[in-house]
Amino acid sequence: MESISPTVSEWQALHAAADGFYQLRPWRWFNDNCTFGVENPETHEVGYCSVLGALGDVLALSVYLGDAGYDGLQHMIQSTHYAGHR
């Protein structure tokens, strides 16, 4: 598999997006079990997203790819182990 390194401008865009995410602070109005999907316009693959941070222990945007990702995310949300950590 060919490895492609990000360009400086791609790294800058990633850092700007991460800063924007932090400034938005979506963990204040999203619970860990709220999900939404984002479609990649090039591949049409859907990434199912979960915002973490409502408990204040971690701040993150997790993305689970495709149908398998969605199924795994739903399983995690519904599991007794995960529900105990809300």
PDB file of N, CA and C in Angstrom:
ATOM      1  N   MET A   1       0.839  -1.165   0.000  1.00  0.00           N
ATOM      2  CA  MET A   1       0.000   0.000   0.000  1.00  0.00           C
ATOM      3  C   MET A   1       0.891   1.238   0.000  1.00  0.00           C
ATOM      4  N   GLU A   2       0.570   2.175  -0.855  1.00  0.00           N
ATOM      5  CA  GLU A   2       1.349   3.400  -0.980  1.00  0.00           C
ATOM      6  C   GLU A   2       1.003   4.365   0.158  1.00  0.00           C
ATOM      7  N   SER A   3       2.038   4.918   0.769  1.00  0.00           N
ATOM      8  CA  SER A   3       1.849   5.887   1.840  1.00  0.00           C
ATOM      9  C   SER A   3       1.958   7.293   1.257  1.00  0.00           C
ATOM     10  N   ILE A   4       0.970   8.121   1.533  1.00  0.00           N
ATOM     11  CA  ILE A   4       0.970   9.488   1.040  1.00  0.00           C
ATOM     12  C   ILE A   4       1.037  10.423   2.246  1.00  0.00           C
ATOM     13  N   SER A   5       2.068  11.233   2.298  1.00  0.00           N
ATOM     14  CA  SER A   5       2.225  12.171   3.402  1.00  0.00           C
ATOM     15  C   SER A   5       1.411  13.428   3.148  1.00  0.00           C
ATOM     16  N   PRO A   6       0.770  13.957   4.191  1.00  0.00           N
ATOM     17  CA  PRO A   6       0.027  15.207   4.029  1.00  0.00           C
ATOM     18  C   PRO A   6       0.965  16.367   3.709  1.00  0.00           C
ATOM     19  N   THR A   7       0.447  17.325   2.962  1.00  0.00           N
ATOM     20  CA  THR A   7       1.216  18.529   2.653  1.00  0.00           C
ATOM     21  C   THR A   7       1.128  19.494   3.835  1.00  0.00           C
ATOM     22  N   VAL A   8       1.961  20.500   3.814  1.00  0.00           N
ATOM     23  CA  VAL A   8       1.930  21.518   4.865  1.00  0.00           C
ATOM     24  C   VAL A   8       0.563  22.200   4.896  1.00  0.00           C
ATOM     25  N   SER A   9       0.008  22.504   3.745  1.00  0.00           N
ATOM     26  CA  SER A   9      -1.304  23.163   3.718  1.00  0.00           C
ATOM     27  C   SER A   9      -2.406  22.237   4.247  1.00  0.00           C
ATOM     28  N   GLU A  10      -2.281  20.933   4.016  1.00  0.00           N
ATOM     29  CA  GLU A  10      -3.262  19.990   4.572  1.00  0.00           C
ATOM     30  C   GLU A  10      -3.153  19.937   6.100  1.00  0.00           C
ATOM     31  N   TRP A  11      -1.920  19.943   6.616  1.00  0.00           N
ATOM     32  CA  TRP A  11      -1.741  19.976   8.073  1.00  0.00           C
ATOM     33  C   TRP A  11      -2.318  21.267   8.652  1.00  0.00           C
ATOM     34  N   GLN A  12      -2.093  22.373   7.976  1.00  0.00           N
ATOM     35  CA  GLN A  12      -2.625  23.656   8.446  1.00  0.00           C
ATOM     36  C   GLN A  12      -4.151  23.640   8.463  1.00  0.00           C
ATOM     37  N   ALA A  13      -4.751  23.072   7.439  1.00  0.00           N
ATOM     38  CA  ALA A  13      -6.207  22.970   7.375  1.00  0.00           C
ATOM     39  C   ALA A  13      -6.743  22.081   8.501  1.00  0.00           C
ATOM     40  N   LEU A  14      -6.038  20.988   8.789  1.00  0.00           N
ATOM     41  CA  LEU A  14      -6.442  20.096   9.874  1.00  0.00           C
ATOM     42  C   LEU A  14      -6.372  20.815  11.221  1.00  0.00           C
ATOM     43  N   HIS A  15      -5.282  21.540  11.442  1.00  0.00           N
ATOM     44  CA  HIS A  15      -5.136  22.281  12.702  1.00  0.00           C
ATOM     45  C   HIS A  15      -6.200  23.367  12.829  1.00  0.00           C
ATOM     46  N   ALA A  16      -6.519  24.042  11.750  1.00  0.00           N
ATOM     47  CA  ALA A  16      -7.559  25.072  11.770  1.00  0.00           C
ATOM     48  C   ALA A  16      -8.924  24.446  12.075  1.00  0.00           C
ATOM     49  N   ALA A  17      -9.199  23.286  11.484  1.00  0.00           N
ATOM     50  CA  ALA A  17     -10.466  22.596  11.748  1.00  0.00           C
ATOM     51  C   ALA A  17     -10.545  22.141  13.207  1.00  0.00           C
ATOM     52  N   ALA A  18      -9.446  21.625  13.735  1.00  0.00           N
ATOM     53  CA  ALA A  18      -9.415  21.194  15.138  1.00  0.00           C
ATOM     54  C   ALA A  18      -9.630  22.385  16.070  1.00  0.00           C
ATOM     55  N   ASP A  19      -9.021  23.510  15.754  1.00  0.00           N
ATOM     56  CA  ASP A  19      -9.210  24.715  16.559  1.00  0.00           C
ATOM     57  C   ASP A  19     -10.667  25.182  16.487  1.00  0.00           C
ATOM     58  N   GLY A  20     -11.252  25.153  15.309  1.00  0.00           N
ATOM     59  CA  GLY A  20     -12.657  25.525  15.149  1.00  0.00           C
ATOM     60  C   GLY A  20     -13.577  24.618  15.946  1.00  0.00           C
ATOM     61  N   PHE A  21     -13.273  23.315  15.937  1.00  0.00           N
ATOM     62  CA  PHE A  21     -14.041  22.342  16.720  1.00  0.00           C
ATOM     63  C   PHE A  21     -13.954  22.679  18.201  1.00  0.00           C
ATOM     64  N   TYR A  22     -12.742  22.974  18.664  1.00  0.00           N
ATOM     65  CA  TYR A  22     -12.561  23.309  20.079  1.00  0.00           C
ATOM     66  C   TYR A  22     -13.310  24.595  20.434  1.00  0.00           C
ATOM     67  N   GLN A  23     -13.231  25.607  19.583  1.00  0.00           N
ATOM     68  CA  GLN A  23     -13.907  26.872  19.846  1.00  0.00           C
ATOM     69  C   GLN A  23     -15.430  26.716  19.862  1.00  0.00           C
ATOM     70  N   LEU A  24     -15.943  25.818  19.050  1.00  0.00           N
ATOM     71  CA  LEU A  24     -17.383  25.564  18.988  1.00  0.00           C
ATOM     72  C   LEU A  24     -17.894  24.874  20.258  1.00  0.00           C
ATOM     73  N   ARG A  25     -17.029  24.043  20.856  1.00  0.00           N
ATOM     74  CA  ARG A  25     -17.344  23.307  22.083  1.00  0.00           C
ATOM     75  C   ARG A  25     -18.665  22.513  21.984  1.00  0.00           C
ATOM     76  N   PRO A  26     -18.780  21.641  20.985  1.00  0.00           N
ATOM     77  CA  PRO A  26     -20.044  20.912  20.799  1.00  0.00           C
ATOM     78  C   PRO A  26     -20.374  19.945  21.932  1.00  0.00           C
ATOM     79  N   TRP A  27     -19.405  19.587  22.766  1.00  0.00           N
ATOM     80  CA  TRP A  27     -19.650  18.684  23.886  1.00  0.00           C
ATOM     81  C   TRP A  27     -20.573  19.329  24.920  1.00  0.00           C
ATOM     82  N   ARG A  28     -20.773  20.654  24.828  1.00  0.00           N
ATOM     83  CA  ARG A  28     -21.693  21.323  25.753  1.00  0.00           C
ATOM     84  C   ARG A  28     -23.150  21.040  25.383  1.00  0.00           C
ATOM     85  N   TRP A  29     -23.441  20.724  24.108  1.00  0.00           N
ATOM     86  CA  TRP A  29     -24.815  20.485  23.688  1.00  0.00           C
ATOM     87  C   TRP A  29     -25.029  19.139  23.006  1.00  0.00           C
ATOM     88  N   PHE A  30     -23.977  18.341  22.855  1.00  0.00           N
ATOM     89  CA  PHE A  30     -24.098  16.972  22.351  1.00  0.00           C
ATOM     90  C   PHE A  30     -23.817  16.014  23.500  1.00  0.00           C
ATOM     91  N   ASN A  31     -24.631  14.991  23.639  1.00  0.00           N
ATOM     92  CA  ASN A  31     -24.318  13.905  24.555  1.00  0.00           C
ATOM     93  C   ASN A  31     -23.470  12.889  23.804  1.00  0.00           C
ATOM     94  N   ASP A  32     -22.774  12.024  24.549  1.00  0.00           N
ATOM     95  CA  ASP A  32     -21.923  11.018  23.919  1.00  0.00           C
ATOM     96  C   ASP A  32     -22.714  10.051  23.045  1.00  0.00           C
ATOM     97  N   ASN A  33     -24.014   9.906  23.288  1.00  0.00           N
ATOM     98  CA  ASN A  33     -24.806   8.966  22.502  1.00  0.00           C
ATOM     99  C   ASN A  33     -25.511   9.621  21.319  1.00  0.00           C
ATOM    100  N   CYS A  34     -25.307  10.910  21.081  1.00  0.00           N
ATOM    101  CA  CYS A  34     -25.851  11.586  19.901  1.00  0.00           C
ATOM    102  C   CYS A  34     -24.917  11.344  18.718  1.00  0.00           C
ATOM    103  N   THR A  35     -25.474  10.970  17.583  1.00  0.00           N
ATOM    104  CA  THR A  35     -24.648  10.695  16.411  1.00  0.00           C
ATOM    105  C   THR A  35     -25.190  11.432  15.196  1.00  0.00           C
ATOM    106  N   PHE A  36     -24.311  11.638  14.234  1.00  0.00           N
ATOM    107  CA  PHE A  36     -24.710  12.211  12.955  1.00  0.00           C
ATOM    108  C   PHE A  36     -23.782  11.662  11.890  1.00  0.00           C
ATOM    109  N   GLY A  37     -24.238  11.698  10.650  1.00  0.00           N
ATOM    110  CA  GLY A  37     -23.458  11.161   9.542  1.00  0.00           C
ATOM    111  C   GLY A  37     -22.967  12.257   8.624  1.00  0.00           C
ATOM    112  N   VAL A  38     -21.781  12.031   8.047  1.00  0.00           N
ATOM    113  CA  VAL A  38     -21.184  12.939   7.078  1.00  0.00           C
ATOM    114  C   VAL A  38     -20.738  12.100   5.883  1.00  0.00           C
ATOM    115  N   GLU A  39     -21.171  12.504   4.682  1.00  0.00           N
ATOM    116  CA  GLU A  39     -20.820  11.748   3.477  1.00  0.00           C
ATOM    117  C   GLU A  39     -19.593  12.354   2.802  1.00  0.00           C
ATOM    118  N   ASN A  40     -18.627  11.496   2.472  1.00  0.00           N
ATOM    119  CA  ASN A  40     -17.463  11.907   1.707  1.00  0.00           C
ATOM    120  C   ASN A  40     -17.934  12.133   0.268  1.00  0.00           C
ATOM    121  N   PRO A  41     -17.806  13.364  -0.259  1.00  0.00           N
ATOM    122  CA  PRO A  41     -18.321  13.634  -1.600  1.00  0.00           C
ATOM    123  C   PRO A  41     -17.574  12.903  -2.709  1.00  0.00           C
ATOM    124  N   GLU A  42     -16.349  12.460  -2.440  1.00  0.00           N
ATOM    125  CA  GLU A  42     -15.579  11.757  -3.469  1.00  0.00           C
ATOM    126  C   GLU A  42     -15.907  10.270  -3.521  1.00  0.00           C
ATOM    127  N   THR A  43     -16.040   9.639  -2.351  1.00  0.00           N
ATOM    128  CA  THR A  43     -16.265   8.195  -2.304  1.00  0.00           C
ATOM    129  C   THR A  43     -17.700   7.819  -1.956  1.00  0.00           C
ATOM    130  N   HIS A  44     -18.454   8.768  -1.463  1.00  0.00           N
ATOM    131  CA  HIS A  44     -19.831   8.575  -0.999  1.00  0.00           C
ATOM    132  C   HIS A  44     -19.910   7.682   0.236  1.00  0.00           C
ATOM    133  N   GLU A  45     -18.764   7.408   0.848  1.00  0.00           N
ATOM    134  CA  GLU A  45     -18.768   6.652   2.103  1.00  0.00           C
ATOM    135  C   GLU A  45     -19.235   7.589   3.219  1.00  0.00           C
ATOM    136  N   VAL A  46     -20.038   7.047   4.126  1.00  0.00           N
ATOM    137  CA  VAL A  46     -20.547   7.839   5.234  1.00  0.00           C
ATOM    138  C   VAL A  46     -19.714   7.560   6.476  1.00  0.00           C
ATOM    139  N   GLY A  47     -19.329   8.627   7.146  1.00  0.00           N
ATOM    140  CA  GLY A  47     -18.681   8.534   8.447  1.00  0.00           C
ATOM    141  C   GLY A  47     -19.704   8.916   9.496  1.00  0.00           C
ATOM    142  N   TYR A  48     -19.933   8.044  10.455  1.00  0.00           N
ATOM    143  CA  TYR A  48     -20.889   8.298  11.527  1.00  0.00           C
ATOM    144  C   TYR A  48     -20.113   8.855  12.719  1.00  0.00           C
ATOM    145  N   CYS A  49     -20.524  10.015  13.178  1.00  0.00           N
ATOM    146  CA  CYS A  49     -19.745  10.790  14.140  1.00  0.00           C
ATOM    147  C   CYS A  49     -20.389  10.828  15.510  1.00  0.00           C
ATOM    148  N   SER A  50     -19.532  10.876  16.515  1.00  0.00           N
ATOM    149  CA  SER A  50     -19.951  11.000  17.898  1.00  0.00           C
ATOM    150  C   SER A  50     -19.028  12.022  18.552  1.00  0.00           C
ATOM    151  N   VAL A  51     -19.610  13.001  19.234  1.00  0.00           N
ATOM    152  CA  VAL A  51     -18.843  14.019  19.937  1.00  0.00           C
ATOM    153  C   VAL A  51     -18.674  13.562  21.381  1.00  0.00           C
ATOM    154  N   LEU A  52     -17.439  13.514  21.840  1.00  0.00           N
ATOM    155  CA  LEU A  52     -17.141  13.118  23.216  1.00  0.00           C
ATOM    156  C   LEU A  52     -16.692  14.330  24.006  1.00  0.00           C
ATOM    157  N   GLY A  53     -17.016  14.343  25.287  1.00  0.00           N
ATOM    158  CA  GLY A  53     -16.539  15.416  26.150  1.00  0.00           C
ATOM    159  C   GLY A  53     -17.551  15.924  27.147  1.00  0.00           C
ATOM    160  N   ALA A  54     -18.773  15.434  27.105  1.00  0.00           N
ATOM    161  CA  ALA A  54     -19.805  15.915  28.020  1.00  0.00           C
ATOM    162  C   ALA A  54     -19.416  15.699  29.482  1.00  0.00           C
ATOM    163  N   LEU A  55     -18.626  14.668  29.752  1.00  0.00           N
ATOM    164  CA  LEU A  55     -18.195  14.391  31.120  1.00  0.00           C
ATOM    165  C   LEU A  55     -16.932  15.157  31.500  1.00  0.00           C
ATOM    166  N   GLY A  56     -16.316  15.803  30.528  1.00  0.00           N
ATOM    167  CA  GLY A  56     -15.128  16.600  30.803  1.00  0.00           C
ATOM    168  C   GLY A  56     -13.823  15.832  30.889  1.00  0.00           C
ATOM    169  N   ASP A  57     -13.846  14.524  30.640  1.00  0.00           N
ATOM    170  CA  ASP A  57     -12.618  13.743  30.755  1.00  0.00           C
ATOM    171  C   ASP A  57     -11.831  13.652  29.452  1.00  0.00           C
ATOM    172  N   VAL A  58     -12.504  13.816  28.316  1.00  0.00           N
ATOM    173  CA  VAL A  58     -11.844  13.761  27.015  1.00  0.00           C
ATOM    174  C   VAL A  58     -12.644  14.632  26.053  1.00  0.00           C
ATOM    175  N   LEU A  59     -11.964  15.283  25.140  1.00  0.00           N
ATOM    176  CA  LEU A  59     -12.627  16.082  24.112  1.00  0.00           C
ATOM    177  C   LEU A  59     -12.267  15.476  22.770  1.00  0.00           C
ATOM    178  N   ALA A  60     -13.283  15.037  22.012  1.00  0.00           N
ATOM    179  CA  ALA A  60     -12.969  14.355  20.759  1.00  0.00           C
ATOM    180  C   ALA A  60     -14.169  14.312  19.829  1.00  0.00           C
ATOM    181  N   LEU A  61     -13.865  14.118  18.575  1.00  0.00           N
ATOM    182  CA  LEU A  61     -14.850  13.795  17.556  1.00  0.00           C
ATOM    183  C   LEU A  61     -14.433  12.438  17.003  1.00  0.00           C
ATOM    184  N   SER A  62     -15.225  11.419  17.270  1.00  0.00           N
ATOM    185  CA  SER A  62     -14.927  10.077  16.776  1.00  0.00           C
ATOM    186  C   SER A  62     -15.725   9.839  15.501  1.00  0.00           C
ATOM    187  N   VAL A  63     -15.083   9.223  14.516  1.00  0.00           N
ATOM    188  CA  VAL A  63     -15.736   8.934  13.243  1.00  0.00           C
ATOM    189  C   VAL A  63     -15.631   7.433  12.982  1.00  0.00           C
ATOM    190  N   TYR A  64     -16.779   6.823  12.684  1.00  0.00           N
ATOM    191  CA  TYR A  64     -16.872   5.392  12.421  1.00  0.00           C
ATOM    192  C   TYR A  64     -17.321   5.235  10.975  1.00  0.00           C
ATOM    193  N   LEU A  65     -16.509   4.569  10.165  1.00  0.00           N
ATOM    194  CA  LEU A  65     -16.738   4.525   8.724  1.00  0.00           C
ATOM    195  C   LEU A  65     -17.682   3.418   8.275  1.00  0.00           C
ATOM    196  N   GLY A  66     -18.591   3.787   7.396  1.00  0.00           N
ATOM    197  CA  GLY A  66     -19.456   2.837   6.706  1.00  0.00           C
ATOM    198  C   GLY A  66     -20.460   2.137   7.592  1.00  0.00           C
ATOM    199  N   ASP A  67     -21.109   1.143   6.988  1.00  0.00           N
ATOM    200  CA  ASP A  67     -22.136   0.388   7.701  1.00  0.00           C
ATOM    201  C   ASP A  67     -21.566  -0.345   8.917  1.00  0.00           C
ATOM    202  N   ALA A  68     -20.372  -0.909   8.758  1.00  0.00           N
ATOM    203  CA  ALA A  68     -19.755  -1.617   9.884  1.00  0.00           C
ATOM    204  C   ALA A  68     -19.445  -0.643  11.022  1.00  0.00           C
ATOM    205  N   GLY A  69     -18.993   0.542  10.680  1.00  0.00           N
ATOM    206  CA  GLY A  69     -18.730   1.557  11.694  1.00  0.00           C
ATOM    207  C   GLY A  69     -19.997   1.965  12.413  1.00  0.00           C
ATOM    208  N   TYR A  70     -21.066   2.148  11.662  1.00  0.00           N
ATOM    209  CA  TYR A  70     -22.350   2.516  12.258  1.00  0.00           C
ATOM    210  C   TYR A  70     -22.827   1.419  13.213  1.00  0.00           C
ATOM    211  N   ASP A  71     -22.751   0.184  12.753  1.00  0.00           N
ATOM    212  CA  ASP A  71     -23.180  -0.934  13.595  1.00  0.00           C
ATOM    213  C   ASP A  71     -22.354  -1.006  14.877  1.00  0.00           C
ATOM    214  N   GLY A  72     -21.047  -0.829  14.755  1.00  0.00           N
ATOM    215  CA  GLY A  72     -20.176  -0.850  15.931  1.00  0.00           C
ATOM    216  C   GLY A  72     -20.474   0.286  16.894  1.00  0.00           C
ATOM    217  N   LEU A  73     -20.712   1.458  16.359  1.00  0.00           N
ATOM    218  CA  LEU A  73     -21.039   2.612  17.197  1.00  0.00           C
ATOM    219  C   LEU A  73     -22.354   2.378  17.930  1.00  0.00           C
ATOM    220  N   GLN A  74     -23.374   1.899  17.220  1.00  0.00           N
ATOM    221  CA  GLN A  74     -24.657   1.629  17.862  1.00  0.00           C
ATOM    222  C   GLN A  74     -24.537   0.551  18.940  1.00  0.00           C
ATOM    223  N   HIS A  75     -23.739  -0.469  18.660  1.00  0.00           N
ATOM    224  CA  HIS A  75     -23.520  -1.526  19.650  1.00  0.00           C
ATOM    225  C   HIS A  75     -22.864  -0.939  20.900  1.00  0.00           C
ATOM    226  N   MET A  76     -21.884  -0.077  20.717  1.00  0.00           N
ATOM    227  CA  MET A  76     -21.187   0.530  21.846  1.00  0.00           C
ATOM    228  C   MET A  76     -22.145   1.405  22.663  1.00  0.00           C
ATOM    229  N   ILE A  77     -22.958   2.198  21.985  1.00  0.00           N
ATOM    230  CA  ILE A  77     -23.901   3.075  22.674  1.00  0.00           C
ATOM    231  C   ILE A  77     -24.898   2.258  23.494  1.00  0.00           C
ATOM    232  N   GLN A  78     -25.342   1.139  22.946  1.00  0.00           N
ATOM    233  CA  GLN A  78     -26.368   0.341  23.599  1.00  0.00           C
ATOM    234  C   GLN A  78     -25.821  -0.639  24.638  1.00  0.00           C
ATOM    235  N   SER A  79     -24.528  -0.831  24.672  1.00  0.00           N
ATOM    236  CA  SER A  79     -23.961  -1.804  25.591  1.00  0.00           C
ATOM    237  C   SER A  79     -24.069  -1.323  27.038  1.00  0.00           C
ATOM    238  N   THR A  80     -24.201  -2.255  27.908  1.00  0.00           N
ATOM    239  CA  THR A  80     -24.309  -1.936  29.332  1.00  0.00           C
ATOM    240  C   THR A  80     -23.047  -1.270  29.833  1.00  0.00           C
ATOM    241  N   HIS A  81     -21.896  -1.738  29.364  1.00  0.00           N
ATOM    242  CA  HIS A  81     -20.615  -1.168  29.798  1.00  0.00           C
ATOM    243  C   HIS A  81     -20.536   0.296  29.447  1.00  0.00           C
ATOM    244  N   TYR A  82     -20.866   0.653  28.224  1.00  0.00           N
ATOM    245  CA  TYR A  82     -20.789   2.048  27.771  1.00  0.00           C
ATOM    246  C   TYR A  82     -21.827   2.895  28.483  1.00  0.00           C
ATOM    247  N   ALA A  83     -23.034   2.368  28.648  1.00  0.00           N
ATOM    248  CA  ALA A  83     -24.117   3.133  29.289  1.00  0.00           C
ATOM    249  C   ALA A  83     -23.746   3.495  30.715  1.00  0.00           C
ATOM    250  N   GLY A  84     -22.928   2.696  31.358  1.00  0.00           N
ATOM    251  CA  GLY A  84     -22.510   2.997  32.721  1.00  0.00           C
ATOM    252  C   GLY A  84     -21.513   4.124  32.818  1.00  0.00           C
ATOM    253  N   HIS A  85     -20.980   4.556  31.693  1.00  0.00           N
ATOM    254  CA  HIS A  85     -19.967   5.618  31.690  1.00  0.00           C
ATOM    255  C   HIS A  85     -20.520   6.948  31.216  1.00  0.00           C
ATOM    256  N   ARG A  86     -21.812   7.102  31.075  1.00  0.00           N
ATOM    257  CA  ARG A  86     -22.404   8.362  30.640  1.00  0.00           C
ATOM    258  C   ARG A  86     -22.427   9.346  31.763  1.00  0.00           C
TER     259      ARG A  86
END
